[in-house]
Full PDB file with SEQRES, HELIX, SHEET, SSBOND, CRYST1, ORIGX, SCALE, CONECT and MASTER records, all heavy atoms in Angstrom:
SEQRES   1 A   33  VAL VAL ALA ASP THR ALA ALA PHE GLY TRP SER ARG THR          
SEQRES   2 A   33  GLY VAL ASP ALA ARG LEU PRO ALA LEU LEU GLY ASP PRO          
SEQRES   3 A   33  GLN TRP GLN PRO TYR VAL VAL                                  
HELIX    1 AA1 ARG A   18  LEU A   23  1                                   6    
CRYST1    1.000    1.000    1.000  90.00  90.00  90.00 P 1           1          
ORIGX1      1.000000  0.000000  0.000000        0.00000                         
ORIGX2      0.000000  1.000000  0.000000        0.00000                         
ORIGX3      0.000000  0.000000  1.000000        0.00000                         
SCALE1      1.000000  0.000000  0.000000        0.00000                         
SCALE2      0.000000  1.000000  0.000000        0.00000                         
SCALE3      0.000000  0.000000  1.000000        0.00000                         
ATOM      1  N   VAL A   1     109.262 107.908 119.412  1.00  0.00           N  
ATOM      2  CA  VAL A   1     110.481 107.964 120.230  1.00  0.00           C  
ATOM      3  C   VAL A   1     111.681 108.494 119.451  1.00  0.00           C  
ATOM      4  O   VAL A   1     112.459 109.302 119.968  1.00  0.00           O  
ATOM      5  CB  VAL A   1     110.796 106.564 120.810  1.00  0.00           C  
ATOM      6  CG1 VAL A   1     112.130 106.568 121.560  1.00  0.00           C  
ATOM      7  CG2 VAL A   1     109.671 106.104 121.731  1.00  0.00           C  
ATOM      8  N   VAL A   2     111.865 108.028 118.218  1.00  0.00           N  
ATOM      9  CA  VAL A   2     113.042 108.387 117.422  1.00  0.00           C  
ATOM     10  C   VAL A   2     112.668 109.542 116.491  1.00  0.00           C  
ATOM     11  O   VAL A   2     111.885 109.365 115.549  1.00  0.00           O  
ATOM     12  CB  VAL A   2     113.548 107.180 116.609  1.00  0.00           C  
ATOM     13  CG1 VAL A   2     114.776 107.563 115.789  1.00  0.00           C  
ATOM     14  CG2 VAL A   2     113.882 106.017 117.541  1.00  0.00           C  
ATOM     15  N   ALA A   3     113.227 110.687 116.735  1.00  0.00           N  
ATOM     16  CA  ALA A   3     112.847 111.885 115.971  1.00  0.00           C  
ATOM     17  C   ALA A   3     113.108 111.709 114.481  1.00  0.00           C  
ATOM     18  O   ALA A   3     112.295 112.126 113.645  1.00  0.00           O  
ATOM     19  CB  ALA A   3     113.595 113.098 116.509  1.00  0.00           C  
ATOM     20  N   ASP A   4     114.231 111.105 114.134  1.00  0.00           N  
ATOM     21  CA  ASP A   4     114.580 110.919 112.722  1.00  0.00           C  
ATOM     22  C   ASP A   4     114.042 109.574 112.228  1.00  0.00           C  
ATOM     23  O   ASP A   4     114.806 108.645 111.940  1.00  0.00           O  
ATOM     24  CB  ASP A   4     116.094 111.006 112.522  1.00  0.00           C  
ATOM     25  CG  ASP A   4     116.600 112.434 112.627  1.00  0.00           C  
ATOM     26  OD1 ASP A   4     116.002 113.327 111.997  1.00  0.00           O  
ATOM     27  OD2 ASP A   4     117.579 112.663 113.357  1.00  0.00           O  
ATOM     28  N   THR A   5     112.727 109.486 112.167  1.00  0.00           N  
ATOM     29  CA  THR A   5     112.059 108.312 111.605  1.00  0.00           C  
ATOM     30  C   THR A   5     111.367 108.728 110.313  1.00  0.00           C  
ATOM     31  O   THR A   5     110.608 109.694 110.296  1.00  0.00           O  
ATOM     32  CB  THR A   5     111.021 107.727 112.575  1.00  0.00           C  
ATOM     33  OG1 THR A   5     111.681 107.241 113.753  1.00  0.00           O  
ATOM     34  CG2 THR A   5     110.258 106.574 111.930  1.00  0.00           C  
ATOM     35  N   ALA A   6     111.655 107.990 109.251  1.00  0.00           N  
ATOM     36  CA  ALA A   6     110.969 108.176 107.971  1.00  0.00           C  
ATOM     37  C   ALA A   6     110.078 106.968 107.737  1.00  0.00           C  
ATOM     38  O   ALA A   6     110.375 105.865 108.208  1.00  0.00           O  
ATOM     39  CB  ALA A   6     111.975 108.328 106.837  1.00  0.00           C  
ATOM     40  N   ALA A   7     108.980 107.147 107.017  1.00  0.00           N  
ATOM     41  CA  ALA A   7     108.057 106.047 106.751  1.00  0.00           C  
ATOM     42  C   ALA A   7     107.575 106.135 105.312  1.00  0.00           C  
ATOM     43  O   ALA A   7     107.159 107.199 104.856  1.00  0.00           O  
ATOM     44  CB  ALA A   7     106.863 106.090 107.712  1.00  0.00           C  
ATOM     45  N   PHE A   8     107.642 105.005 104.605  1.00  0.00           N  
ATOM     46  CA  PHE A   8     107.228 104.937 103.208  1.00  0.00           C  
ATOM     47  C   PHE A   8     106.345 103.715 103.007  1.00  0.00           C  
ATOM     48  O   PHE A   8     106.615 102.643 103.553  1.00  0.00           O  
ATOM     49  CB  PHE A   8     108.447 104.824 102.280  1.00  0.00           C  
ATOM     50  CG  PHE A   8     109.407 105.968 102.398  1.00  0.00           C  
ATOM     51  CD1 PHE A   8     110.516 105.882 103.228  1.00  0.00           C  
ATOM     52  CD2 PHE A   8     109.205 107.146 101.690  1.00  0.00           C  
ATOM     53  CE1 PHE A   8     111.407 106.940 103.355  1.00  0.00           C  
ATOM     54  CE2 PHE A   8     110.094 108.213 101.800  1.00  0.00           C  
ATOM     55  CZ  PHE A   8     111.194 108.106 102.633  1.00  0.00           C  
ATOM     56  N   GLY A   9     105.310 103.879 102.206  1.00  0.00           N  
ATOM     57  CA  GLY A   9     104.515 102.725 101.800  1.00  0.00           C  
ATOM     58  C   GLY A   9     105.288 101.915 100.769  1.00  0.00           C  
ATOM     59  O   GLY A   9     105.949 102.486  99.890  1.00  0.00           O  
ATOM     60  N   TRP A  10     105.221 100.597 100.890  1.00  0.00           N  
ATOM     61  CA  TRP A  10     105.956  99.727  99.963  1.00  0.00           C  
ATOM     62  C   TRP A  10     105.061  99.305  98.809  1.00  0.00           C  
ATOM     63  O   TRP A  10     103.884  98.987  99.004  1.00  0.00           O  
ATOM     64  CB  TRP A  10     106.464  98.479 100.676  1.00  0.00           C  
ATOM     65  CG  TRP A  10     107.276  97.595  99.771  1.00  0.00           C  
ATOM     66  CD1 TRP A  10     108.610  97.703  99.490  1.00  0.00           C  
ATOM     67  CD2 TRP A  10     106.806  96.457  99.028  1.00  0.00           C  
ATOM     68  NE1 TRP A  10     109.002  96.723  98.616  1.00  0.00           N  
ATOM     69  CE2 TRP A  10     107.917  95.943  98.308  1.00  0.00           C  
ATOM     70  CE3 TRP A  10     105.558  95.840  98.882  1.00  0.00           C  
ATOM     71  CZ2 TRP A  10     107.806  94.831  97.480  1.00  0.00           C  
ATOM     72  CZ3 TRP A  10     105.456  94.738  98.052  1.00  0.00           C  
ATOM     73  CH2 TRP A  10     106.570  94.244  97.362  1.00  0.00           C  
ATOM     74  N   SER A  11     105.635  99.301  97.618  1.00  0.00           N  
ATOM     75  CA  SER A  11     104.941  98.820  96.424  1.00  0.00           C  
ATOM     76  C   SER A  11     105.912  98.014  95.579  1.00  0.00           C  
ATOM     77  O   SER A  11     107.081  98.395  95.434  1.00  0.00           O  
ATOM     78  CB  SER A  11     104.391  99.996  95.609  1.00  0.00           C  
ATOM     79  OG  SER A  11     103.912  99.552  94.347  1.00  0.00           O  
ATOM     80  N   ARG A  12     105.433  96.926  95.022  1.00  0.00           N  
ATOM     81  CA  ARG A  12     106.287  96.097  94.165  1.00  0.00           C  
ATOM     82  C   ARG A  12     106.604  96.796  92.852  1.00  0.00           C  
ATOM     83  O   ARG A  12     107.650  96.551  92.239  1.00  0.00           O  
ATOM     84  CB  ARG A  12     105.593  94.758  93.882  1.00  0.00           C  
ATOM     85  CG  ARG A  12     106.424  93.779  93.057  1.00  0.00           C  
ATOM     86  CD  ARG A  12     105.662  92.485  92.844  1.00  0.00           C  
ATOM     87  NE  ARG A  12     104.414  92.686  92.143  1.00  0.00           N  
ATOM     88  CZ  ARG A  12     104.313  92.791  90.805  1.00  0.00           C  
ATOM     89  NH1 ARG A  12     105.399  92.729  90.045  1.00  0.00           N  
ATOM     90  NH2 ARG A  12     103.135  92.959  90.231  1.00  0.00           N  
ATOM     91  N   THR A  13     105.722  97.673  92.392  1.00  0.00           N  
ATOM     92  CA  THR A  13     105.857  98.258  91.057  1.00  0.00           C  
ATOM     93  C   THR A  13     106.414  99.676  91.043  1.00  0.00           C  
ATOM     94  O   THR A  13     106.619 100.245  89.973  1.00  0.00           O  
ATOM     95  CB  THR A  13     104.492  98.272  90.352  1.00  0.00           C  
ATOM     96  OG1 THR A  13     103.554  99.009  91.149  1.00  0.00           O  
ATOM     97  CG2 THR A  13     103.985  96.843  90.160  1.00  0.00           C  
ATOM     98  N   GLY A  14     106.631 100.274  92.197  1.00  0.00           N  
ATOM     99  CA  GLY A  14     107.135 101.634  92.209  1.00  0.00           C  
ATOM    100  C   GLY A  14     107.778 101.965  93.537  1.00  0.00           C  
ATOM    101  O   GLY A  14     107.658 101.213  94.509  1.00  0.00           O  
ATOM    102  N   VAL A  15     108.482 103.098  93.566  1.00  0.00           N  
ATOM    103  CA  VAL A  15     109.143 103.521  94.796  1.00  0.00           C  
ATOM    104  C   VAL A  15     109.022 105.035  94.919  1.00  0.00           C  
ATOM    105  O   VAL A  15     109.152 105.770  93.937  1.00  0.00           O  
ATOM    106  CB  VAL A  15     110.628 103.078  94.803  1.00  0.00           C  
ATOM    107  CG1 VAL A  15     111.366 103.618  93.594  1.00  0.00           C  
ATOM    108  CG2 VAL A  15     111.319 103.509  96.087  1.00  0.00           C  
ATOM    109  N   ASP A  16     108.722 105.488  96.101  1.00  0.00           N  
ATOM    110  CA  ASP A  16     108.659 106.913  96.391  1.00  0.00           C  
ATOM    111  C   ASP A  16     110.054 107.511  96.162  1.00  0.00           C  
ATOM    112  O   ASP A  16     111.048 107.013  96.708  1.00  0.00           O  
ATOM    113  CB  ASP A  16     108.235 107.095  97.859  1.00  0.00           C  
ATOM    114  CG  ASP A  16     107.945 108.534  98.230  1.00  0.00           C  
ATOM    115  OD1 ASP A  16     108.700 109.428  97.784  1.00  0.00           O  
ATOM    116  OD2 ASP A  16     106.990 108.770  98.991  1.00  0.00           O  
ATOM    117  N   ALA A  17     110.152 108.570  95.374  1.00  0.00           N  
ATOM    118  CA  ALA A  17     111.446 109.167  95.033  1.00  0.00           C  
ATOM    119  C   ALA A  17     112.194 109.653  96.268  1.00  0.00           C  
ATOM    120  O   ALA A  17     113.433 109.769  96.251  1.00  0.00           O  
ATOM    121  CB  ALA A  17     111.239 110.322  94.062  1.00  0.00           C  
ATOM    122  N   ARG A  18     111.480 109.919  97.344  1.00  0.00           N  
ATOM    123  CA  ARG A  18     112.136 110.384  98.564  1.00  0.00           C  
ATOM    124  C   ARG A  18     112.937 109.274  99.237  1.00  0.00           C  
ATOM    125  O   ARG A  18     113.877 109.560 100.001  1.00  0.00           O  
ATOM    126  CB  ARG A  18     111.094 110.932  99.535  1.00  0.00           C  
ATOM    127  CG  ARG A  18     110.368 112.183  99.056  1.00  0.00           C  
ATOM    128  CD  ARG A  18     109.207 112.527  99.967  1.00  0.00           C  
ATOM    129  NE  ARG A  18     108.169 111.483  99.934  1.00  0.00           N  
ATOM    130  CZ  ARG A  18     107.080 111.507 100.692  1.00  0.00           C  
ATOM    131  NH1 ARG A  18     106.885 112.518 101.543  1.00  0.00           N  
ATOM    132  NH2 ARG A  18     106.174 110.536 100.594  1.00  0.00           N  
ATOM    133  N   LEU A  19     112.584 108.003  98.965  1.00  0.00           N  
ATOM    134  CA  LEU A  19     113.282 106.896  99.612  1.00  0.00           C  
ATOM    135  C   LEU A  19     114.718 106.746  99.108  1.00  0.00           C  
ATOM    136  O   LEU A  19     115.652 106.756  99.928  1.00  0.00           O  
ATOM    137  CB  LEU A  19     112.488 105.605  99.435  1.00  0.00           C  
ATOM    138  CG  LEU A  19     113.151 104.324  99.972  1.00  0.00           C  
ATOM    139  CD1 LEU A  19     113.523 104.473 101.434  1.00  0.00           C  
ATOM    140  CD2 LEU A  19     112.228 103.128  99.762  1.00  0.00           C  
ATOM    141  N   PRO A  20     114.973 106.577  97.805  1.00  0.00           N  
ATOM    142  CA  PRO A  20     116.369 106.496  97.368  1.00  0.00           C  
ATOM    143  C   PRO A  20     117.164 107.750  97.699  1.00  0.00           C  
ATOM    144  O   PRO A  20     118.378 107.674  97.932  1.00  0.00           O  
ATOM    145  CB  PRO A  20     116.263 106.270  95.856  1.00  0.00           C  
ATOM    146  CG  PRO A  20     114.874 106.605  95.481  1.00  0.00           C  
ATOM    147  CD  PRO A  20     114.036 106.383  96.685  1.00  0.00           C  
ATOM    148  N   ALA A  21     116.502 108.911  97.733  1.00  0.00           N  
ATOM    149  CA  ALA A  21     117.200 110.135  98.127  1.00  0.00           C  
ATOM    150  C   ALA A  21     117.677 110.037  99.574  1.00  0.00           C  
ATOM    151  O   ALA A  21     118.803 110.448  99.903  1.00  0.00           O  
ATOM    152  CB  ALA A  21     116.288 111.340  97.939  1.00  0.00           C  
ATOM    153  N   LEU A  22     116.835 109.482 100.436  1.00  0.00           N  
ATOM    154  CA  LEU A  22     117.226 109.295 101.834  1.00  0.00           C  
ATOM    155  C   LEU A  22     118.373 108.303 101.949  1.00  0.00           C  
ATOM    156  O   LEU A  22     119.356 108.548 102.662  1.00  0.00           O  
ATOM    157  CB  LEU A  22     116.016 108.807 102.640  1.00  0.00           C  
ATOM    158  CG  LEU A  22     116.291 108.436 104.105  1.00  0.00           C  
ATOM    159  CD1 LEU A  22     116.682 109.674 104.910  1.00  0.00           C  
ATOM    160  CD2 LEU A  22     115.065 107.756 104.722  1.00  0.00           C  
ATOM    161  N   LEU A  23     118.272 107.190 101.245  1.00  0.00           N  
ATOM    162  CA  LEU A  23     119.297 106.153 101.334  1.00  0.00           C  
ATOM    163  C   LEU A  23     120.635 106.640 100.782  1.00  0.00           C  
ATOM    164  O   LEU A  23     121.691 106.144 101.184  1.00  0.00           O  
ATOM    165  CB  LEU A  23     118.847 104.900 100.581  1.00  0.00           C  
ATOM    166  CG  LEU A  23     117.538 104.257 101.064  1.00  0.00           C  
ATOM    167  CD1 LEU A  23     117.239 103.000 100.265  1.00  0.00           C  
ATOM    168  CD2 LEU A  23     117.594 103.952 102.550  1.00  0.00           C  
ATOM    169  N   GLY A  24     120.594 107.591  99.856  1.00  0.00           N  
ATOM    170  CA  GLY A  24     121.821 108.115  99.275  1.00  0.00           C  
ATOM    171  C   GLY A  24     122.386 109.326  99.984  1.00  0.00           C  
ATOM    172  O   GLY A  24     123.450 109.836  99.605  1.00  0.00           O  
ATOM    173  N   ASP A  25     121.692 109.807 101.014  1.00  0.00           N  
ATOM    174  CA  ASP A  25     122.159 110.979 101.759  1.00  0.00           C  
ATOM    175  C   ASP A  25     123.440 110.608 102.514  1.00  0.00           C  
ATOM    176  O   ASP A  25     123.443 109.668 103.313  1.00  0.00           O  
ATOM    177  CB  ASP A  25     121.069 111.407 102.743  1.00  0.00           C  
ATOM    178  CG  ASP A  25     121.375 112.727 103.441  1.00  0.00           C  
ATOM    179  OD1 ASP A  25     122.564 113.045 103.649  1.00  0.00           O  
ATOM    180  OD2 ASP A  25     120.419 113.441 103.778  1.00  0.00           O  
ATOM    181  N   PRO A  26     124.541 111.328 102.289  1.00  0.00           N  
ATOM    182  CA  PRO A  26     125.826 110.932 102.894  1.00  0.00           C  
ATOM    183  C   PRO A  26     125.868 111.007 104.407  1.00  0.00           C  
ATOM    184  O   PRO A  26     126.797 110.442 105.014  1.00  0.00           O  
ATOM    185  CB  PRO A  26     126.823 111.917 102.255  1.00  0.00           C  
ATOM    186  CG  PRO A  26     126.007 113.075 101.795  1.00  0.00           C  
ATOM    187  CD  PRO A  26     124.678 112.503 101.406  1.00  0.00           C  
ATOM    188  N   GLN A  27     124.899 111.688 105.028  1.00  0.00           N  
ATOM    189  CA  GLN A  27     124.926 111.729 106.497  1.00  0.00           C  
ATOM    190  C   GLN A  27     124.512 110.397 107.112  1.00  0.00           C  
ATOM    191  O   GLN A  27     124.772 110.149 108.283  1.00  0.00           O  
ATOM    192  CB  GLN A  27     124.004 112.838 107.016  1.00  0.00           C  
ATOM    193  CG  GLN A  27     122.525 112.531 106.939  1.00  0.00           C  
ATOM    194  CD  GLN A  27     121.672 113.475 107.750  1.00  0.00           C  
ATOM    195  OE1 GLN A  27     121.886 113.657 108.955  1.00  0.00           O  
ATOM    196  NE2 GLN A  27     120.721 114.116 107.084  1.00  0.00           N  
ATOM    197  N   TRP A  28     123.882 109.541 106.302  1.00  0.00           N  
ATOM    198  CA  TRP A  28     123.346 108.291 106.833  1.00  0.00           C  
ATOM    199  C   TRP A  28     124.192 107.081 106.424  1.00  0.00           C  
ATOM    200  O   TRP A  28     124.754 107.042 105.329  1.00  0.00           O  
ATOM    201  CB  TRP A  28     121.910 108.072 106.363  1.00  0.00           C  
ATOM    202  CG  TRP A  28     120.939 109.064 106.899  1.00  0.00           C  
ATOM    203  CD1 TRP A  28     120.239 110.014 106.210  1.00  0.00           C  
ATOM    204  CD2 TRP A  28     120.561 109.222 108.272  1.00  0.00           C  
ATOM    205  NE1 TRP A  28     119.448 110.738 107.045  1.00  0.00           N  
ATOM    206  CE2 TRP A  28     119.619 110.278 108.323  1.00  0.00           C  
ATOM    207  CE3 TRP A  28     120.917 108.578 109.461  1.00  0.00           C  
ATOM    208  CZ2 TRP A  28     119.041 110.708 109.513  1.00  0.00           C  
ATOM    209  CZ3 TRP A  28     120.337 109.001 110.641  1.00  0.00           C  
ATOM    210  CH2 TRP A  28     119.411 110.042 110.661  1.00  0.00           C  
ATOM    211  N   GLN A  29     124.219 106.112 107.299  1.00  0.00           N  
ATOM    212  CA  GLN A  29     124.894 104.834 107.087  1.00  0.00           C  
ATOM    213  C   GLN A  29     123.814 103.744 107.159  1.00  0.00           C  
ATOM    214  O   GLN A  29     123.488 103.237 108.221  1.00  0.00           O  
ATOM    215  CB  GLN A  29     125.946 104.633 108.183  1.00  0.00           C  
ATOM    216  CG  GLN A  29     126.762 103.363 108.082  1.00  0.00           C  
ATOM    217  CD  GLN A  29     127.750 103.267 109.241  1.00  0.00           C  
ATOM    218  OE1 GLN A  29     128.014 104.255 109.926  1.00  0.00           O  
ATOM    219  NE2 GLN A  29     128.285 102.089 109.470  1.00  0.00           N  
ATOM    220  N   PRO A  30     123.213 103.384 106.009  1.00  0.00           N  
ATOM    221  CA  PRO A  30     122.032 102.510 106.043  1.00  0.00           C  
ATOM    222  C   PRO A  30     122.357 101.033 106.296  1.00  0.00           C  
ATOM    223  O   PRO A  30     123.365 100.509 105.809  1.00  0.00           O  
ATOM    224  CB  PRO A  30     121.416 102.685 104.645  1.00  0.00           C  
ATOM    225  CG  PRO A  30     122.156 103.816 103.996  1.00  0.00           C  
ATOM    226  CD  PRO A  30     123.493 103.863 104.644  1.00  0.00           C  
ATOM    227  N   TYR A  31     121.463 100.386 107.029  1.00  0.00           N  
ATOM    228  CA  TYR A  31     121.487  98.939 107.237  1.00  0.00           C  
ATOM    229  C   TYR A  31     120.076  98.408 106.998  1.00  0.00           C  
ATOM    230  O   TYR A  31     119.114  98.935 107.574  1.00  0.00           O  
ATOM    231  CB  TYR A  31     121.887  98.564 108.664  1.00  0.00           C  
ATOM    232  CG  TYR A  31     123.301  98.876 109.054  1.00  0.00           C  
ATOM    233  CD1 TYR A  31     123.621 100.105 109.624  1.00  0.00           C  
ATOM    234  CD2 TYR A  31     124.319  97.940 108.882  1.00  0.00           C  
ATOM    235  CE1 TYR A  31     124.925 100.401 110.012  1.00  0.00           C  
ATOM    236  CE2 TYR A  31     125.620  98.219 109.266  1.00  0.00           C  
ATOM    237  CZ  TYR A  31     125.914  99.450 109.830  1.00  0.00           C  
ATOM    238  OH  TYR A  31     127.209  99.733 110.204  1.00  0.00           O  
ATOM    239  N   VAL A  32     119.945  97.376 106.193  1.00  0.00           N  
ATOM    240  CA  VAL A  32     118.667  96.672 106.081  1.00  0.00           C  
ATOM    241  C   VAL A  32     118.629  95.648 107.211  1.00  0.00           C  
ATOM    242  O   VAL A  32     119.522  94.803 107.314  1.00  0.00           O  
ATOM    243  CB  VAL A  32     118.519  95.952 104.727  1.00  0.00           C  
ATOM    244  CG1 VAL A  32     117.156  95.278 104.634  1.00  0.00           C  
ATOM    245  CG2 VAL A  32     118.720  96.920 103.577  1.00  0.00           C  
ATOM    246  N   VAL A  33     117.630  95.728 108.047  1.00  0.00           N  
ATOM    247  CA  VAL A  33     117.546  94.820 109.192  1.00  0.00           C  
ATOM    248  C   VAL A  33     116.671  93.637 108.798  1.00  0.00           C  
ATOM    249  O   VAL A  33     115.450  93.776 108.616  1.00  0.00           O  
ATOM    250  CB  VAL A  33     116.983  95.550 110.423  1.00  0.00           C  
ATOM    251  CG1 VAL A  33     116.985  94.615 111.634  1.00  0.00           C  
ATOM    252  CG2 VAL A  33     117.790  96.809 110.713  1.00  0.00           C  
TER     253      VAL A  33                                                      
MASTER        0    0    0    1    0    0    0    6  252    1    0    3          
END                                                                             
């Protein structure tokens, strides 16, 4: 339904580099729900 949906697998020991890049993109206003 939502075109701008990103999906990442979660790991306790590492993070996909694309995730912090997305969270730091100035077009977005992130909220942890």
